[in-house]
Amino acid sequence: MIIQPMSESVSALSNIAVPNGIAPLPHLGVIRAKGDDAAKFLQGQLTQDVVLMQPGEARLAAFCNAKGRMQASFQVLKTAPDELLLITSADTLPATLKRLSMFVLRARLKLSDATSDFSVWGQLGKIPDSIAFNADAASSKDQNEPENRPHRIALPPAGNVARTLWLAPAGGTVPADVAQLAEADWLLAEALAGVARITRPVAEAFVPQMLNYESVGGVNFKKGCYPGQEVVARSQFRGAIKRRAYVGRVDGAAQAGQEVFSATDPGQPVGQIAQAATAPDGGAVVIAVLQVAEATATDAALRVGGVEGPPVSGLHIPYPLDLDI
């Protein structure tokens, strides 16, 4: 069964324009998994089937604890049969690397923080491939080596604006004739796209389905075991998904980790902000994990931080939810 995006008006977000150009993304870091057992090891840790991935392919994935709660999220890029790169939030990287390293044991691979080896950029809109990225910084190196080539990863769009993640050798630059965007432009587009990235304030707060990961290619239900798999599978197949991620507008400041309250039940939070970005005309665009019954109620009056906090409006899901896996 496919549940289509909510049909209610999203006029609260319709006046937000997403610019075209390329922005540096210092809030992202890179973990390298290198060795003969790299894919096999990550297969047993992540929600994604990385063994089936081909070199050059990238997929969304989550790293859960034993209770199925997401400790980190990644764009997993397979650069070679024996190397995978995990692009993740910089603020969760140290704890994630430490946690993953605990499970390596005798597996033939090395995990390392490779952030300093790469430049991470975000491209918004269509830019000709011929000028999309300048890899001159690597011109003296062997371009046949994966770490010396720029890689691009197509991501879900922000409205009708395409989003592409670029992973390039450290020191690369953007051509002068491409619009230079601020990191804030990318963060805004990321929130509008509705696929939340785990950061420290919300680590271990959500199972993947609360962030709609099963509907945006972040969970493979046919692969083998991984931490929290039983919880994730039970949530899916027993119809226990009672919270979902919605994109909305907050008429005021908002940040990841804040609770959302309903005027109908002010004593108990009905959700939590998973990700927030400052809107250009004030306020914030958020990805909020909310009780479905509250988010879809015709008389919903939701506020951030408490019943006297700034209101939330324009709630919608910008992609279909697939509940039949």
Protein backbone atom coordinates (compact mmCIF):
# COMPACT_ATOMS: atom_id res chain seq x y z
CA MET A 1 0.00 0.00 0.00
CA ILE A 2 1.25 3.46 -0.88
CA ILE A 3 0.33 6.42 1.27
CA GLN A 4 0.68 9.58 -0.77
CA PRO A 5 2.00 12.86 0.66
CA MET A 6 -0.58 14.78 2.68
CA SER A 7 -2.87 16.87 0.51
CA GLU A 8 -3.34 19.72 2.99
CA SER A 9 -2.10 23.16 2.04
CA VAL A 10 1.61 23.75 2.54
CA SER A 11 1.41 27.46 1.81
CA ALA A 12 3.52 28.16 4.87
CA LEU A 13 6.50 26.78 2.94
CA SER A 14 5.59 27.79 -0.62
CA ASN A 15 7.43 31.10 -0.47
CA ILE A 16 10.77 29.55 0.44
CA ALA A 17 13.09 29.56 -2.56
CA VAL A 18 16.04 27.19 -2.82
CA PRO A 19 19.00 28.70 -4.73
CA ASN A 20 21.21 26.92 -7.27
CA GLY A 21 24.90 26.49 -6.61
CA ILE A 22 27.42 24.60 -4.50
CA ALA A 23 28.05 24.91 -0.75
CA PRO A 24 30.80 23.55 1.51
CA LEU A 25 29.48 21.11 4.13
CA PRO A 26 31.80 21.17 7.16
CA HIS A 27 29.07 19.63 9.31
CA LEU A 28 29.72 16.28 7.60
CA GLY A 29 32.54 13.85 8.27
CA VAL A 30 33.76 10.63 6.64
CA ILE A 31 34.50 7.21 8.13
CA ARG A 32 36.57 4.87 5.97
CA ALA A 33 36.14 1.09 6.14
CA LYS A 34 39.07 -0.51 4.30
CA GLY A 35 39.96 -4.17 3.96
CA ASP A 36 38.87 -7.52 2.57
CA ASP A 37 36.04 -7.81 5.12
CA ALA A 38 34.84 -4.19 4.92
CA ALA A 39 31.56 -4.92 3.14
CA LYS A 40 30.90 -8.10 5.13
CA PHE A 41 31.49 -6.27 8.41
CA LEU A 42 29.20 -3.33 7.60
CA GLN A 43 26.58 -5.78 6.33
CA GLY A 44 26.25 -6.98 9.91
CA GLN A 45 26.01 -3.48 11.38
CA LEU A 46 23.84 -1.33 9.11
CA THR A 47 20.22 -1.37 7.94
CA GLN A 48 21.38 -1.36 4.31
CA ASP A 49 22.57 -4.25 2.12
CA VAL A 50 26.09 -3.06 1.34
CA VAL A 51 27.28 -6.41 -0.04
CA LEU A 52 25.05 -6.01 -3.10
CA MET A 53 26.32 -2.49 -3.77
CA GLN A 54 28.59 -1.96 -6.76
CA PRO A 55 31.67 0.29 -6.74
CA GLY A 56 30.54 3.86 -7.31
CA GLU A 57 27.09 3.21 -5.81
CA ALA A 58 25.78 5.00 -2.72
CA ARG A 59 22.87 4.21 -0.42
CA LEU A 60 21.26 5.62 2.71
CA ALA A 61 21.73 3.56 5.88
CA ALA A 62 21.27 3.69 9.64
CA PHE A 63 23.36 2.30 12.50
CA CYS A 64 21.04 1.24 15.32
CA ASN A 65 21.50 0.13 18.90
CA ALA A 66 20.07 -3.11 20.24
CA LYS A 67 16.69 -1.42 20.79
CA GLY A 68 16.46 -0.40 17.14
CA ARG A 69 17.15 3.28 17.87
CA MET A 70 19.33 5.10 15.37
CA GLN A 71 22.78 6.01 16.70
CA ALA A 72 23.90 7.45 13.36
CA SER A 73 22.85 7.78 9.73
CA PHE A 74 25.04 7.57 6.64
CA GLN A 75 25.31 7.95 2.96
CA VAL A 76 27.33 4.79 2.30
CA LEU A 77 29.56 5.09 -0.76
CA LYS A 78 31.28 1.99 -2.09
CA THR A 79 34.45 3.15 -3.83
CA ALA A 80 35.99 -0.30 -4.35
CA PRO A 81 35.21 -3.93 -3.43
CA ASP A 82 37.35 -3.51 -0.31
CA GLU A 83 36.53 0.11 0.60
CA LEU A 84 33.39 1.89 1.74
CA LEU A 85 33.04 5.47 2.91
CA LEU A 86 30.39 6.47 5.47
CA ILE A 87 29.41 10.13 5.15
CA THR A 88 27.83 11.15 8.44
CA SER A 89 27.26 14.04 10.83
CA ALA A 90 30.57 15.30 12.18
CA ASP A 91 29.19 15.64 15.70
CA THR A 92 28.28 11.94 15.91
CA LEU A 93 31.35 10.63 14.10
CA PRO A 94 33.71 10.06 17.07
CA ALA A 95 31.15 8.10 19.08
CA THR A 96 30.02 6.18 15.99
CA LEU A 97 33.57 5.24 15.01
CA LYS A 98 34.30 4.10 18.56
CA ARG A 99 31.13 2.03 18.69
CA LEU A 100 31.66 0.38 15.31
CA SER A 101 35.30 -0.39 16.18
CA MET A 102 34.15 -2.42 19.18
CA PHE A 103 32.68 -5.02 16.82
CA VAL A 104 35.62 -5.41 14.42
CA LEU A 105 37.36 -8.13 16.47
CA ARG A 106 39.21 -10.36 13.96
CA ALA A 107 37.57 -9.02 10.83
CA ARG A 108 40.06 -8.02 8.14
CA LEU A 109 39.42 -4.30 7.90
CA LYS A 110 40.44 -0.99 9.37
CA LEU A 111 38.04 1.74 10.41
CA SER A 112 39.34 5.29 10.47
CA ASP A 113 38.27 8.93 10.49
CA ALA A 114 38.99 10.00 6.90
CA THR A 115 37.38 13.45 7.12
CA SER A 116 40.67 15.25 6.47
CA ASP A 117 41.17 13.31 3.22
CA PHE A 118 38.05 14.74 1.59
CA SER A 119 36.15 17.89 0.80
CA VAL A 120 32.38 17.47 1.08
CA TRP A 121 30.16 19.77 -0.98
CA GLY A 122 26.45 20.05 -1.59
CA GLN A 123 25.08 20.95 -5.03
CA LEU A 124 21.61 22.42 -5.38
CA GLY A 125 19.95 22.53 -8.78
CA LYS A 126 21.27 21.49 -12.16
CA ILE A 127 24.86 22.39 -13.00
CA PRO A 128 26.61 21.15 -16.17
CA ASP A 129 28.73 18.12 -15.39
CA SER A 130 31.70 19.69 -17.13
CA ILE A 131 31.97 22.39 -14.48
CA ALA A 132 30.32 20.72 -11.52
CA PHE A 133 33.56 20.27 -9.57
CA ASN A 134 37.20 21.20 -9.96
CA ALA A 135 39.50 18.37 -8.95
CA ASP A 136 42.70 20.20 -9.83
CA ALA A 137 43.96 19.59 -6.31
CA ALA A 138 44.33 15.93 -7.26
CA SER A 139 45.69 16.47 -10.78
CA SER A 140 49.15 15.24 -9.80
CA LYS A 141 47.78 12.05 -8.29
CA ASP A 142 46.69 8.78 -9.84
CA GLN A 143 43.11 9.41 -11.00
CA ASN A 144 42.49 5.66 -11.11
CA GLU A 145 42.58 5.53 -7.32
CA PRO A 146 39.12 5.99 -5.73
CA GLU A 147 40.35 8.51 -3.16
CA ASN A 148 41.65 10.77 -5.94
CA ARG A 149 38.37 11.03 -7.86
CA PRO A 150 35.34 13.13 -7.00
CA HIS A 151 32.19 11.12 -6.33
CA ARG A 152 28.64 12.41 -6.54
CA ILE A 153 25.57 11.08 -4.76
CA ALA A 154 22.05 11.98 -5.87
CA LEU A 155 19.77 12.77 -2.92
CA PRO A 156 16.00 13.31 -2.61
CA PRO A 157 15.09 16.78 -3.96
CA ALA A 158 14.01 19.83 -2.00
CA GLY A 159 10.70 20.50 -3.72
CA ASN A 160 11.61 20.60 -7.39
CA VAL A 161 15.28 21.44 -6.75
CA ALA A 162 17.74 18.59 -7.24
CA ARG A 163 20.30 17.87 -4.53
CA THR A 164 23.70 16.22 -5.08
CA LEU A 165 26.35 15.39 -2.51
CA TRP A 166 29.93 15.68 -3.73
CA LEU A 167 32.83 13.88 -2.09
CA ALA A 168 36.12 15.09 -3.56
CA PRO A 169 39.81 14.96 -2.66
CA ALA A 170 40.77 17.42 0.05
CA GLY A 171 41.70 20.81 -1.38
CA GLY A 172 39.34 20.75 -4.34
CA THR A 173 37.68 24.00 -5.31
CA VAL A 174 34.43 25.07 -6.94
CA PRO A 175 34.75 26.79 -10.35
CA ALA A 176 34.42 30.55 -10.18
CA ASP A 177 31.46 30.57 -12.58
CA VAL A 178 29.32 28.42 -10.27
CA ALA A 179 27.29 30.20 -7.59
CA GLN A 180 28.91 29.85 -4.18
CA LEU A 181 26.28 28.99 -1.57
CA ALA A 182 26.44 29.10 2.21
CA GLU A 183 26.18 25.99 4.35
CA ALA A 184 22.85 27.36 5.61
CA ASP A 185 21.41 27.12 2.07
CA TRP A 186 22.12 23.40 2.02
CA LEU A 187 20.76 22.85 5.53
CA LEU A 188 17.52 24.56 4.51
CA ALA A 189 17.20 22.37 1.42
CA GLU A 190 17.99 19.30 3.51
CA ALA A 191 15.10 20.09 5.86
CA LEU A 192 12.71 20.75 2.98
CA ALA A 193 13.61 17.37 1.44
CA GLY A 194 12.33 15.65 4.58
CA VAL A 195 15.04 12.99 5.06
CA ALA A 196 16.48 13.67 8.48
CA ARG A 197 20.14 13.16 9.32
CA ILE A 198 20.98 11.94 12.81
CA THR A 199 22.87 14.49 14.90
CA ARG A 200 23.97 14.34 18.53
CA PRO A 201 20.78 15.88 20.04
CA VAL A 202 18.62 13.09 18.56
CA ALA A 203 21.01 10.14 18.66
CA GLU A 204 19.11 7.03 19.85
CA ALA A 205 15.77 8.86 19.75
CA PHE A 206 14.13 7.21 16.73
CA VAL A 207 13.70 3.86 15.05
CA PRO A 208 14.25 4.15 11.27
CA GLN A 209 10.55 4.14 10.38
CA MET A 210 9.92 7.20 12.56
CA LEU A 211 12.14 9.05 10.08
CA ASN A 212 10.49 7.28 7.12
CA TYR A 213 13.77 5.56 6.25
CA GLU A 214 12.04 2.45 4.92
CA SER A 215 10.33 4.64 2.29
CA VAL A 216 13.44 6.50 1.12
CA GLY A 217 15.70 3.49 0.60
CA GLY A 218 17.40 3.44 4.00
CA VAL A 219 16.28 -0.02 5.21
CA ASN A 220 16.59 -3.38 3.48
CA PHE A 221 14.24 -5.96 4.99
CA LYS A 222 15.72 -8.88 3.04
CA LYS A 223 19.31 -8.72 4.32
CA GLY A 224 20.80 -10.50 7.31
CA CYS A 225 21.00 -9.52 10.95
CA TYR A 226 22.21 -6.22 12.37
CA PRO A 227 21.82 -4.56 15.77
CA GLY A 228 18.16 -3.77 16.44
CA GLN A 229 16.89 -5.69 13.40
CA GLU A 230 14.15 -7.49 15.33
CA VAL A 231 12.73 -4.20 16.61
CA VAL A 232 12.87 -2.58 13.17
CA ALA A 233 11.21 -5.58 11.51
CA ARG A 234 8.52 -5.85 14.19
CA SER A 235 7.70 -2.15 13.81
CA GLN A 236 7.24 -2.69 10.08
CA PHE A 237 5.31 -5.91 9.89
CA ARG A 238 3.11 -5.62 12.99
CA GLY A 239 1.82 -2.17 12.11
CA ALA A 240 3.40 -0.52 15.12
CA ILE A 241 4.51 2.67 13.31
CA LYS A 242 2.60 5.36 15.16
CA ARG A 243 5.05 8.23 14.62
CA ARG A 244 6.24 9.65 11.33
CA ALA A 245 8.54 12.44 10.12
CA TYR A 246 6.80 15.52 8.70
CA VAL A 247 8.22 18.68 7.17
CA GLY A 248 6.75 21.87 8.59
CA ARG A 249 7.27 25.52 9.33
CA VAL A 250 7.83 26.95 12.82
CA ASP A 251 7.04 30.62 13.37
CA GLY A 252 10.06 31.11 15.58
CA ALA A 253 13.32 29.44 16.52
CA ALA A 254 13.59 25.66 16.62
CA GLN A 255 16.36 23.12 17.01
CA ALA A 256 16.87 19.38 16.90
CA GLY A 257 15.84 17.64 20.09
CA GLN A 258 13.08 20.05 21.10
CA GLU A 259 9.75 18.50 22.00
CA VAL A 260 6.47 19.31 20.26
CA PHE A 261 3.24 19.72 22.22
CA SER A 262 -0.44 19.74 21.34
CA ALA A 263 -2.98 22.13 22.83
CA THR A 264 -5.29 19.16 23.35
CA ASP A 265 -2.85 17.44 25.72
CA PRO A 266 -0.38 20.02 27.07
CA GLY A 267 1.05 17.66 29.67
CA GLN A 268 2.66 15.21 27.26
CA PRO A 269 4.82 15.86 24.18
CA VAL A 270 3.41 14.45 20.94
CA GLY A 271 6.67 14.60 19.03
CA GLN A 272 10.21 15.85 18.69
CA ILE A 273 12.17 17.99 16.25
CA ALA A 274 14.58 15.73 14.36
CA GLN A 275 16.20 18.49 12.28
CA ALA A 276 15.79 22.24 11.90
CA ALA A 277 17.09 24.96 9.59
CA THR A 278 16.65 28.72 9.65
CA ALA A 279 14.20 30.02 7.06
CA PRO A 280 15.36 33.03 5.01
CA ASP A 281 12.36 35.13 6.00
CA GLY A 282 12.46 34.21 9.68
CA GLY A 283 11.33 31.19 11.62
CA ALA A 284 12.51 27.68 10.83
CA VAL A 285 11.84 24.74 8.56
CA VAL A 286 11.80 21.51 10.54
CA ILE A 287 11.56 17.77 10.19
CA ALA A 288 9.39 16.78 13.14
CA VAL A 289 8.67 13.24 14.29
CA LEU A 290 5.04 13.36 15.40
CA GLN A 291 2.27 11.05 16.46
CA VAL A 292 0.37 10.40 13.23
CA ALA A 293 -2.99 10.99 14.90
CA GLU A 294 -1.89 14.44 16.07
CA ALA A 295 -0.17 15.45 12.83
CA THR A 296 -3.17 14.56 10.70
CA ALA A 297 -5.91 15.94 12.98
CA THR A 298 -7.90 18.69 11.33
CA ASP A 299 -7.85 20.73 14.53
CA ALA A 300 -4.19 20.10 15.34
CA ALA A 301 -2.57 22.99 17.22
CA LEU A 302 1.06 22.01 17.64
CA ARG A 303 3.74 24.12 19.26
CA VAL A 304 7.46 23.72 19.86
CA GLY A 305 8.88 23.59 23.38
CA GLY A 306 5.52 23.89 25.16
CA VAL A 307 1.95 24.97 24.59
CA GLU A 308 3.07 28.61 24.69
CA GLY A 309 5.87 28.04 22.17
CA PRO A 310 5.94 28.98 18.48
CA PRO A 311 3.31 27.21 16.33
CA VAL A 312 3.99 24.57 13.70
CA SER A 313 2.21 24.80 10.34
CA GLY A 314 2.24 23.34 6.83
CA LEU A 315 2.89 19.77 7.96
CA HIS A 316 3.35 17.34 5.08
CA ILE A 317 5.45 14.41 3.89
CA PRO A 318 7.17 15.31 0.59
CA TYR A 319 7.32 11.73 -0.74
CA PRO A 320 5.11 8.61 -0.69
CA LEU A 321 5.25 6.26 2.28
CA ASP A 322 5.54 2.62 1.27
CA LEU A 323 4.08 0.39 3.94
CA ASP A 324 4.20 -2.87 1.96
CA ILE A 325 7.80 -4.06 1.87
